[in-house]
Amino acid sequence: MKGSFSRWRGVVFAAAMTASSGSGAGPVQFTLLAQGAQSGIEDERNVVILDEAALRSLWTSHGAGANPVPPPPQVDFSSEMVIAAFAGTRNSRGYRLTIAGIEEMDRRLQVDLLLERPGAGCMTAQVLTQPHVWAKLRRSALPVEFRMSTVDIPCAAGG
């Protein structure tokens, strides 16, 4: 009897793993909407946008100082949502913020951000920049967690 219980427990575990792997867990497709080094948003922040009013408000803040402010991207909020990440103000050129990937895992969406920065000794223009990235993806009720990694980019030959 004990051996039969152990075998059934293994079957139930395997069925649960199969069911959970078919529930959308894994990489999430996204579309890049905007990316760059100039933004009216100067603080470090990550935002999930679920409606048109929130998109317009943040886009207006983001475009502050641009002339003219480009129109916000087209998003169908009935089936899509937007994420935006801002790395805060940096003291030189050479910074770039990208989305390394988005994954559904453990009943949440994990957004992996990568901040590239100039390596030691790199010659860069001393100008304030605000690296940012915007993307849209299928709408989800799952909580969104952002994780940022930073990598130093070596200088090109000659400095």
N, C-alpha and C. Protein backbone atom coordinates (compact mmCIF):
# COMPACT_ATOMS: atom_id res chain seq x y z
N MET A 1 0.82 -1.18 0.00
CA MET A 1 0.00 0.00 0.00
C MET A 1 0.87 1.25 0.00
N LYS A 2 1.97 1.21 0.78
CA LYS A 2 2.83 2.37 0.87
C LYS A 2 3.44 2.68 -0.50
N GLY A 3 3.87 1.69 -1.25
CA GLY A 3 4.44 1.91 -2.57
C GLY A 3 3.42 2.50 -3.53
N SER A 4 2.16 2.09 -3.42
CA SER A 4 1.12 2.60 -4.30
C SER A 4 0.85 4.08 -4.00
N PHE A 5 0.86 4.50 -2.74
CA PHE A 5 0.67 5.91 -2.38
C PHE A 5 1.79 6.75 -2.97
N SER A 6 3.01 6.28 -2.85
CA SER A 6 4.16 7.01 -3.37
C SER A 6 4.05 7.18 -4.89
N ARG A 7 3.61 6.13 -5.58
CA ARG A 7 3.47 6.21 -7.03
C ARG A 7 2.39 7.22 -7.40
N TRP A 8 1.23 7.22 -6.71
CA TRP A 8 0.17 8.17 -6.99
C TRP A 8 0.61 9.60 -6.69
N ARG A 9 1.36 9.77 -5.62
CA ARG A 9 1.85 11.11 -5.28
C ARG A 9 2.72 11.63 -6.42
N GLY A 10 3.53 10.78 -7.02
CA GLY A 10 4.35 11.18 -8.16
C GLY A 10 3.52 11.54 -9.37
N VAL A 11 2.44 10.80 -9.62
CA VAL A 11 1.56 11.08 -10.75
C VAL A 11 0.85 12.41 -10.54
N VAL A 12 0.35 12.64 -9.32
CA VAL A 12 -0.33 13.90 -9.01
C VAL A 12 0.65 15.07 -9.16
N PHE A 13 1.86 14.93 -8.67
CA PHE A 13 2.87 15.98 -8.79
C PHE A 13 3.17 16.27 -10.26
N ALA A 14 3.33 15.22 -11.07
CA ALA A 14 3.61 15.41 -12.50
C ALA A 14 2.45 16.10 -13.19
N ALA A 15 1.22 15.74 -12.85
CA ALA A 15 0.04 16.39 -13.44
C ALA A 15 -0.02 17.85 -13.04
N ALA A 16 0.28 18.16 -11.81
CA ALA A 16 0.28 19.56 -11.35
C ALA A 16 1.33 20.36 -12.08
N MET A 17 2.51 19.80 -12.29
CA MET A 17 3.57 20.50 -13.00
C MET A 17 3.15 20.75 -14.45
N THR A 18 2.51 19.78 -15.08
CA THR A 18 2.07 19.94 -16.46
C THR A 18 1.00 21.03 -16.54
N ALA A 19 0.06 21.03 -15.61
CA ALA A 19 -1.00 22.04 -15.61
C ALA A 19 -0.43 23.43 -15.40
N SER A 20 0.52 23.56 -14.48
CA SER A 20 1.05 24.89 -14.22
C SER A 20 1.92 25.39 -15.36
N SER A 21 2.59 24.49 -16.07
CA SER A 21 3.44 24.94 -17.17
C SER A 21 2.60 25.39 -18.36
N GLY A 22 1.36 24.93 -18.45
CA GLY A 22 0.49 25.34 -19.54
C GLY A 22 -0.30 26.59 -19.22
N SER A 23 -0.06 27.23 -18.09
CA SER A 23 -0.87 28.37 -17.66
C SER A 23 -0.28 29.70 -18.08
N GLY A 24 0.62 29.70 -19.04
CA GLY A 24 1.18 30.97 -19.50
C GLY A 24 2.50 31.32 -18.84
N ALA A 25 2.99 30.47 -17.96
CA ALA A 25 4.27 30.75 -17.33
C ALA A 25 5.36 30.72 -18.38
N GLY A 26 6.34 31.59 -18.23
CA GLY A 26 7.44 31.64 -19.19
C GLY A 26 7.59 33.03 -19.78
N PRO A 27 8.35 33.14 -20.86
CA PRO A 27 8.61 34.45 -21.47
C PRO A 27 7.31 35.12 -21.95
N VAL A 28 7.26 36.43 -21.79
CA VAL A 28 6.12 37.23 -22.22
C VAL A 28 6.58 38.13 -23.37
N GLN A 29 5.84 38.11 -24.46
CA GLN A 29 6.16 38.95 -25.60
C GLN A 29 5.81 40.40 -25.29
N PHE A 30 6.62 41.33 -25.78
CA PHE A 30 6.34 42.75 -25.60
C PHE A 30 6.78 43.50 -26.84
N THR A 31 6.25 44.70 -26.99
CA THR A 31 6.59 45.58 -28.10
C THR A 31 7.21 46.84 -27.55
N LEU A 32 8.40 47.16 -27.99
CA LEU A 32 9.08 48.38 -27.56
C LEU A 32 8.34 49.58 -28.13
N LEU A 33 7.99 50.54 -27.27
CA LEU A 33 7.28 51.74 -27.70
C LEU A 33 8.21 52.95 -27.81
N ALA A 34 9.13 53.08 -26.87
CA ALA A 34 10.05 54.22 -26.86
C ALA A 34 11.26 53.85 -26.01
N GLN A 35 12.38 54.43 -26.36
CA GLN A 35 13.62 54.21 -25.61
C GLN A 35 14.54 55.37 -25.94
N GLY A 36 15.27 55.84 -24.94
CA GLY A 36 16.18 56.94 -25.22
C GLY A 36 16.88 57.43 -23.98
N ALA A 37 17.51 58.60 -24.13
CA ALA A 37 18.32 59.15 -23.05
C ALA A 37 17.82 60.50 -22.55
N GLN A 38 16.73 61.01 -23.12
CA GLN A 38 16.19 62.29 -22.68
C GLN A 38 14.75 62.11 -22.27
N SER A 39 14.43 62.56 -21.05
CA SER A 39 13.07 62.47 -20.54
C SER A 39 12.82 63.61 -19.57
N GLY A 40 11.59 64.03 -19.48
CA GLY A 40 11.22 65.01 -18.47
C GLY A 40 11.09 64.39 -17.09
N ILE A 41 11.18 63.08 -17.00
CA ILE A 41 11.11 62.39 -15.71
C ILE A 41 12.53 62.17 -15.23
N GLU A 42 12.87 62.82 -14.15
CA GLU A 42 14.25 62.84 -13.68
C GLU A 42 14.54 61.88 -12.54
N ASP A 43 13.50 61.30 -11.95
CA ASP A 43 13.74 60.36 -10.85
C ASP A 43 13.66 58.92 -11.36
N GLU A 44 14.24 58.03 -10.59
CA GLU A 44 14.21 56.61 -10.93
C GLU A 44 12.84 56.07 -10.54
N ARG A 45 12.15 55.47 -11.52
CA ARG A 45 10.84 54.89 -11.22
C ARG A 45 10.45 53.88 -12.28
N ASN A 46 9.55 52.98 -11.88
CA ASN A 46 8.99 51.97 -12.77
C ASN A 46 7.47 52.07 -12.65
N VAL A 47 6.79 52.03 -13.78
CA VAL A 47 5.35 52.29 -13.79
C VAL A 47 4.63 51.24 -14.63
N VAL A 48 3.47 50.82 -14.15
CA VAL A 48 2.55 49.98 -14.92
C VAL A 48 1.36 50.85 -15.25
N ILE A 49 1.01 50.94 -16.53
CA ILE A 49 -0.06 51.82 -16.99
C ILE A 49 -1.18 50.96 -17.55
N LEU A 50 -2.40 51.17 -16.99
CA LEU A 50 -3.52 50.33 -17.36
C LEU A 50 -4.65 51.07 -18.06
N ASP A 51 -4.50 52.40 -18.24
CA ASP A 51 -5.57 53.14 -18.92
C ASP A 51 -5.01 54.35 -19.67
N GLU A 52 -5.82 54.86 -20.58
CA GLU A 52 -5.42 55.95 -21.46
C GLU A 52 -5.07 57.22 -20.68
N ALA A 53 -5.84 57.54 -19.64
CA ALA A 53 -5.58 58.76 -18.86
C ALA A 53 -4.21 58.70 -18.20
N ALA A 54 -3.87 57.56 -17.63
CA ALA A 54 -2.55 57.41 -16.98
C ALA A 54 -1.44 57.49 -18.00
N LEU A 55 -1.66 56.90 -19.19
CA LEU A 55 -0.65 56.97 -20.25
C LEU A 55 -0.42 58.42 -20.67
N ARG A 56 -1.49 59.15 -20.93
CA ARG A 56 -1.36 60.54 -21.37
C ARG A 56 -0.66 61.40 -20.32
N SER A 57 -0.99 61.18 -19.06
CA SER A 57 -0.38 61.96 -17.99
C SER A 57 1.12 61.72 -17.90
N LEU A 58 1.51 60.45 -17.87
CA LEU A 58 2.94 60.12 -17.76
C LEU A 58 3.68 60.54 -19.03
N TRP A 59 3.06 60.35 -20.21
CA TRP A 59 3.70 60.72 -21.47
C TRP A 59 3.95 62.23 -21.52
N THR A 60 2.99 63.01 -21.00
CA THR A 60 3.15 64.47 -20.96
C THR A 60 4.33 64.85 -20.06
N SER A 61 4.43 64.22 -18.90
CA SER A 61 5.57 64.48 -17.99
C SER A 61 6.88 64.06 -18.65
N HIS A 62 6.86 62.92 -19.29
CA HIS A 62 8.04 62.39 -19.97
C HIS A 62 8.50 63.35 -21.07
N GLY A 63 7.56 63.93 -21.81
CA GLY A 63 7.89 64.80 -22.93
C GLY A 63 8.17 66.24 -22.55
N ALA A 64 8.10 66.56 -21.25
CA ALA A 64 8.35 67.94 -20.83
C ALA A 64 9.71 68.39 -21.32
N GLY A 65 9.74 69.53 -21.97
CA GLY A 65 10.99 70.06 -22.50
C GLY A 65 11.18 69.78 -23.97
N ALA A 66 10.46 68.80 -24.50
CA ALA A 66 10.55 68.50 -25.93
C ALA A 66 9.62 69.45 -26.68
N ASN A 67 10.06 69.87 -27.86
CA ASN A 67 9.23 70.77 -28.64
C ASN A 67 9.25 70.32 -30.09
N PRO A 68 8.19 69.78 -30.61
CA PRO A 68 6.92 69.50 -29.92
C PRO A 68 6.98 68.16 -29.19
N VAL A 69 6.07 67.98 -28.25
CA VAL A 69 5.97 66.69 -27.56
C VAL A 69 5.34 65.70 -28.53
N PRO A 70 6.00 64.57 -28.79
CA PRO A 70 5.40 63.59 -29.70
C PRO A 70 4.11 63.03 -29.11
N PRO A 71 3.17 62.60 -29.96
CA PRO A 71 1.93 62.02 -29.44
C PRO A 71 2.22 60.70 -28.72
N PRO A 72 1.38 60.36 -27.73
CA PRO A 72 1.59 59.08 -27.03
C PRO A 72 1.36 57.91 -27.98
N PRO A 73 1.96 56.78 -27.68
CA PRO A 73 1.76 55.60 -28.54
C PRO A 73 0.31 55.11 -28.47
N GLN A 74 -0.10 54.41 -29.51
CA GLN A 74 -1.44 53.82 -29.57
C GLN A 74 -1.45 52.50 -28.79
N VAL A 75 -2.37 52.39 -27.85
CA VAL A 75 -2.48 51.18 -27.03
C VAL A 75 -3.95 50.83 -26.88
N ASP A 76 -4.28 49.56 -27.05
CA ASP A 76 -5.64 49.07 -26.83
C ASP A 76 -5.69 48.53 -25.40
N PHE A 77 -6.14 49.38 -24.48
CA PHE A 77 -6.10 49.00 -23.06
C PHE A 77 -7.11 47.92 -22.69
N SER A 78 -7.97 47.52 -23.62
CA SER A 78 -8.86 46.40 -23.32
C SER A 78 -8.09 45.07 -23.33
N SER A 79 -6.96 45.05 -24.06
CA SER A 79 -6.18 43.81 -24.13
C SER A 79 -4.69 44.02 -23.88
N GLU A 80 -4.26 45.26 -23.72
CA GLU A 80 -2.84 45.56 -23.53
C GLU A 80 -2.62 46.46 -22.32
N MET A 81 -1.38 46.49 -21.86
CA MET A 81 -0.96 47.42 -20.82
C MET A 81 0.43 47.91 -21.19
N VAL A 82 0.87 48.96 -20.52
CA VAL A 82 2.17 49.56 -20.80
C VAL A 82 3.01 49.51 -19.54
N ILE A 83 4.30 49.25 -19.72
CA ILE A 83 5.24 49.42 -18.62
C ILE A 83 6.25 50.48 -19.07
N ALA A 84 6.68 51.28 -18.13
CA ALA A 84 7.68 52.30 -18.41
C ALA A 84 8.69 52.28 -17.27
N ALA A 85 9.95 52.39 -17.63
CA ALA A 85 11.02 52.39 -16.62
C ALA A 85 11.92 53.59 -16.89
N PHE A 86 12.30 54.25 -15.81
CA PHE A 86 13.15 55.43 -15.88
C PHE A 86 14.33 55.21 -14.93
N ALA A 87 15.54 55.43 -15.43
CA ALA A 87 16.75 55.17 -14.64
C ALA A 87 17.17 56.37 -13.79
N GLY A 88 16.45 57.47 -13.89
CA GLY A 88 16.83 58.67 -13.14
C GLY A 88 17.88 59.46 -13.91
N THR A 89 18.17 60.65 -13.42
CA THR A 89 19.14 61.51 -14.10
C THR A 89 20.56 61.00 -13.89
N ARG A 90 21.29 60.93 -14.98
CA ARG A 90 22.70 60.51 -14.98
C ARG A 90 23.54 61.70 -15.44
N ASN A 91 24.81 61.73 -15.06
CA ASN A 91 25.65 62.91 -15.30
C ASN A 91 26.44 62.88 -16.60
N SER A 92 26.17 61.91 -17.47
CA SER A 92 26.90 61.87 -18.74
C SER A 92 26.13 61.06 -19.77
N ARG A 93 26.58 61.15 -21.00
CA ARG A 93 26.06 60.28 -22.06
C ARG A 93 26.63 58.88 -21.84
N GLY A 94 26.13 57.94 -22.60
CA GLY A 94 26.67 56.59 -22.53
C GLY A 94 25.83 55.62 -21.72
N TYR A 95 24.73 56.10 -21.14
CA TYR A 95 23.82 55.23 -20.40
C TYR A 95 22.69 54.79 -21.32
N ARG A 96 22.26 53.54 -21.15
CA ARG A 96 21.15 53.03 -21.93
C ARG A 96 20.35 52.05 -21.09
N LEU A 97 19.04 52.22 -21.07
CA LEU A 97 18.16 51.33 -20.32
C LEU A 97 17.39 50.47 -21.31
N THR A 98 17.43 49.16 -21.12
CA THR A 98 16.73 48.23 -22.00
C THR A 98 15.93 47.22 -21.17
N ILE A 99 14.98 46.60 -21.83
CA ILE A 99 14.24 45.49 -21.21
C ILE A 99 14.92 44.22 -21.69
N ALA A 100 15.57 43.52 -20.77
CA ALA A 100 16.26 42.28 -21.12
C ALA A 100 15.26 41.15 -21.33
N GLY A 101 14.11 41.26 -20.70
CA GLY A 101 13.08 40.25 -20.87
C GLY A 101 11.96 40.44 -19.86
N ILE A 102 10.82 39.84 -20.17
CA ILE A 102 9.68 39.83 -19.25
C ILE A 102 9.25 38.38 -19.15
N GLU A 103 9.01 37.94 -17.94
CA GLU A 103 8.67 36.54 -17.73
C GLU A 103 7.55 36.42 -16.72
N GLU A 104 6.62 35.52 -17.00
CA GLU A 104 5.59 35.19 -16.02
C GLU A 104 6.12 34.05 -15.17
N MET A 105 6.17 34.28 -13.87
CA MET A 105 6.67 33.25 -12.96
C MET A 105 6.11 33.48 -11.56
N ASP A 106 5.81 32.40 -10.89
CA ASP A 106 5.32 32.47 -9.50
C ASP A 106 4.16 33.45 -9.35
N ARG A 107 3.20 33.40 -10.27
CA ARG A 107 2.01 34.24 -10.24
C ARG A 107 2.34 35.73 -10.21
N ARG A 108 3.35 36.13 -11.01
CA ARG A 108 3.71 37.55 -11.16
C ARG A 108 4.42 37.71 -12.49
N LEU A 109 4.48 38.95 -12.95
CA LEU A 109 5.28 39.28 -14.12
C LEU A 109 6.58 39.90 -13.64
N GLN A 110 7.68 39.36 -14.09
CA GLN A 110 8.99 39.89 -13.72
C GLN A 110 9.59 40.58 -14.94
N VAL A 111 9.87 41.88 -14.79
CA VAL A 111 10.48 42.67 -15.85
C VAL A 111 11.95 42.83 -15.50
N ASP A 112 12.81 42.28 -16.34
CA ASP A 112 14.25 42.40 -16.13
C ASP A 112 14.78 43.56 -16.96
N LEU A 113 15.27 44.57 -16.27
CA LEU A 113 15.83 45.76 -16.90
C LEU A 113 17.34 45.67 -16.87
N LEU A 114 17.97 46.23 -17.89
CA LEU A 114 19.42 46.27 -17.95
C LEU A 114 19.85 47.72 -18.18
N LEU A 115 20.61 48.25 -17.24
CA LEU A 115 21.16 49.60 -17.38
C LEU A 115 22.63 49.45 -17.77
N GLU A 116 22.92 49.88 -18.99
CA GLU A 116 24.30 49.89 -19.47
C GLU A 116 24.88 51.25 -19.13
N ARG A 117 26.11 51.25 -18.60
CA ARG A 117 26.76 52.52 -18.28
C ARG A 117 28.19 52.48 -18.79
N PRO A 118 28.77 53.68 -19.03
CA PRO A 118 30.15 53.72 -19.52
C PRO A 118 31.10 53.14 -18.47
N GLY A 119 32.04 52.33 -18.93
CA GLY A 119 33.02 51.74 -18.02
C GLY A 119 34.02 52.77 -17.53
N ALA A 120 34.84 52.35 -16.59
CA ALA A 120 35.86 53.23 -16.01
C ALA A 120 36.78 53.77 -17.10
N GLY A 121 37.06 55.05 -17.07
CA GLY A 121 37.98 55.67 -18.00
C GLY A 121 37.39 56.04 -19.33
N CYS A 122 36.11 55.77 -19.56
CA CYS A 122 35.48 56.13 -20.83
C CYS A 122 35.30 57.65 -20.91
N MET A 123 35.55 58.18 -22.09
CA MET A 123 35.34 59.61 -22.33
C MET A 123 33.90 59.79 -22.80
N THR A 124 33.12 60.52 -22.04
CA THR A 124 31.72 60.77 -22.42
C THR A 124 31.42 62.25 -22.24
N ALA A 125 30.44 62.73 -22.99
CA ALA A 125 30.02 64.12 -22.85
C ALA A 125 29.39 64.31 -21.48
N GLN A 126 29.76 65.35 -20.81
CA GLN A 126 29.21 65.65 -19.49
C GLN A 126 27.92 66.43 -19.65
N VAL A 127 26.84 65.70 -19.84
CA VAL A 127 25.51 66.27 -20.04
C VAL A 127 24.53 65.40 -19.27
N LEU A 128 23.51 66.02 -18.71
CA LEU A 128 22.53 65.25 -17.95
C LEU A 128 21.65 64.45 -18.91
N THR A 129 21.47 63.18 -18.59
CA THR A 129 20.61 62.30 -19.38
C THR A 129 19.63 61.59 -18.45
N GLN A 130 18.55 61.10 -19.03
CA GLN A 130 17.52 60.36 -18.27
C GLN A 130 17.13 59.12 -19.07
N PRO A 131 17.91 58.06 -18.97
CA PRO A 131 17.59 56.84 -19.74
C PRO A 131 16.21 56.29 -19.38
N HIS A 132 15.48 55.86 -20.40
CA HIS A 132 14.13 55.35 -20.20
C HIS A 132 13.80 54.30 -21.26
N VAL A 133 12.77 53.52 -20.95
CA VAL A 133 12.27 52.53 -21.91
C VAL A 133 10.78 52.32 -21.62
N TRP A 134 10.00 52.21 -22.70
CA TRP A 134 8.56 51.98 -22.63
C TRP A 134 8.24 50.75 -23.48
N ALA A 135 7.29 49.93 -23.03
CA ALA A 135 6.87 48.77 -23.81
C ALA A 135 5.41 48.47 -23.54
N LYS A 136 4.77 47.82 -24.50
CA LYS A 136 3.41 47.34 -24.26
C LYS A 136 3.42 45.82 -24.35
N LEU A 137 2.50 45.21 -23.62
CA LEU A 137 2.38 43.77 -23.57
C LEU A 137 0.93 43.41 -23.31
N ARG A 138 0.62 42.14 -23.41
CA ARG A 138 -0.77 41.74 -23.16
C ARG A 138 -1.15 42.10 -21.73
N ARG A 139 -2.37 42.53 -21.57
CA ARG A 139 -2.88 42.94 -20.26
C ARG A 139 -2.87 41.76 -19.31
N SER A 140 -2.51 42.01 -18.08
CA SER A 140 -2.45 40.97 -17.06
C SER A 140 -2.86 41.55 -15.71
N ALA A 141 -3.53 40.74 -14.92
CA ALA A 141 -3.90 41.15 -13.56
C ALA A 141 -2.81 40.76 -12.56
N LEU A 142 -1.77 40.10 -13.03
CA LEU A 142 -0.69 39.68 -12.13
C LEU A 142 0.10 40.88 -11.65
N PRO A 143 0.63 40.83 -10.43
CA PRO A 143 1.51 41.90 -9.97
C PRO A 143 2.78 41.94 -10.81
N VAL A 144 3.33 43.13 -10.99
CA VAL A 144 4.53 43.31 -11.81
C VAL A 144 5.70 43.67 -10.90
N GLU A 145 6.79 42.95 -11.08
CA GLU A 145 8.01 43.20 -10.30
C GLU A 145 9.11 43.58 -11.29
N PHE A 146 9.80 44.68 -11.00
CA PHE A 146 10.91 45.13 -11.84
C PHE A 146 12.22 44.79 -11.14
N ARG A 147 13.17 44.28 -11.90
CA ARG A 147 14.52 44.02 -11.39
C ARG A 147 15.52 44.68 -12.33
N MET A 148 16.43 45.48 -11.77
CA MET A 148 17.41 46.15 -12.62
C MET A 148 18.80 45.61 -12.34
N SER A 149 19.49 45.31 -13.42
CA SER A 149 20.90 44.94 -13.35
C SER A 149 21.68 46.03 -14.07
N THR A 150 22.89 46.26 -13.63
CA THR A 150 23.75 47.28 -14.24
C THR A 150 25.01 46.60 -14.77
N VAL A 151 25.40 47.00 -15.96
CA VAL A 151 26.62 46.46 -16.56
C VAL A 151 27.45 47.60 -17.10
N ASP A 152 28.77 47.53 -16.87
CA ASP A 152 29.69 48.53 -17.40
C ASP A 152 30.05 48.15 -18.82
N ILE A 153 29.96 49.11 -19.74
CA ILE A 153 30.32 48.90 -21.13
C ILE A 153 31.75 49.38 -21.33
N PRO A 154 32.64 48.53 -21.82
CA PRO A 154 34.03 48.97 -22.02
C PRO A 154 34.11 50.07 -23.08
N CYS A 155 35.12 50.89 -22.95
CA CYS A 155 35.35 51.98 -23.91
C CYS A 155 35.78 51.42 -25.24
N ALA A 156 35.44 52.15 -26.28
CA ALA A 156 35.91 51.79 -27.63
C ALA A 156 37.40 52.04 -27.69
N ALA A 157 38.08 51.37 -28.60
CA ALA A 157 39.52 51.56 -28.74
C ALA A 157 39.84 53.05 -28.94
N GLY A 158 40.77 53.53 -28.22
CA GLY A 158 41.17 54.93 -28.34
C GLY A 158 40.44 55.83 -27.38
N GLY A 159 39.54 55.28 -26.49
CA GLY A 159 38.94 56.08 -25.45
C GLY A 159 37.58 56.44 -25.60
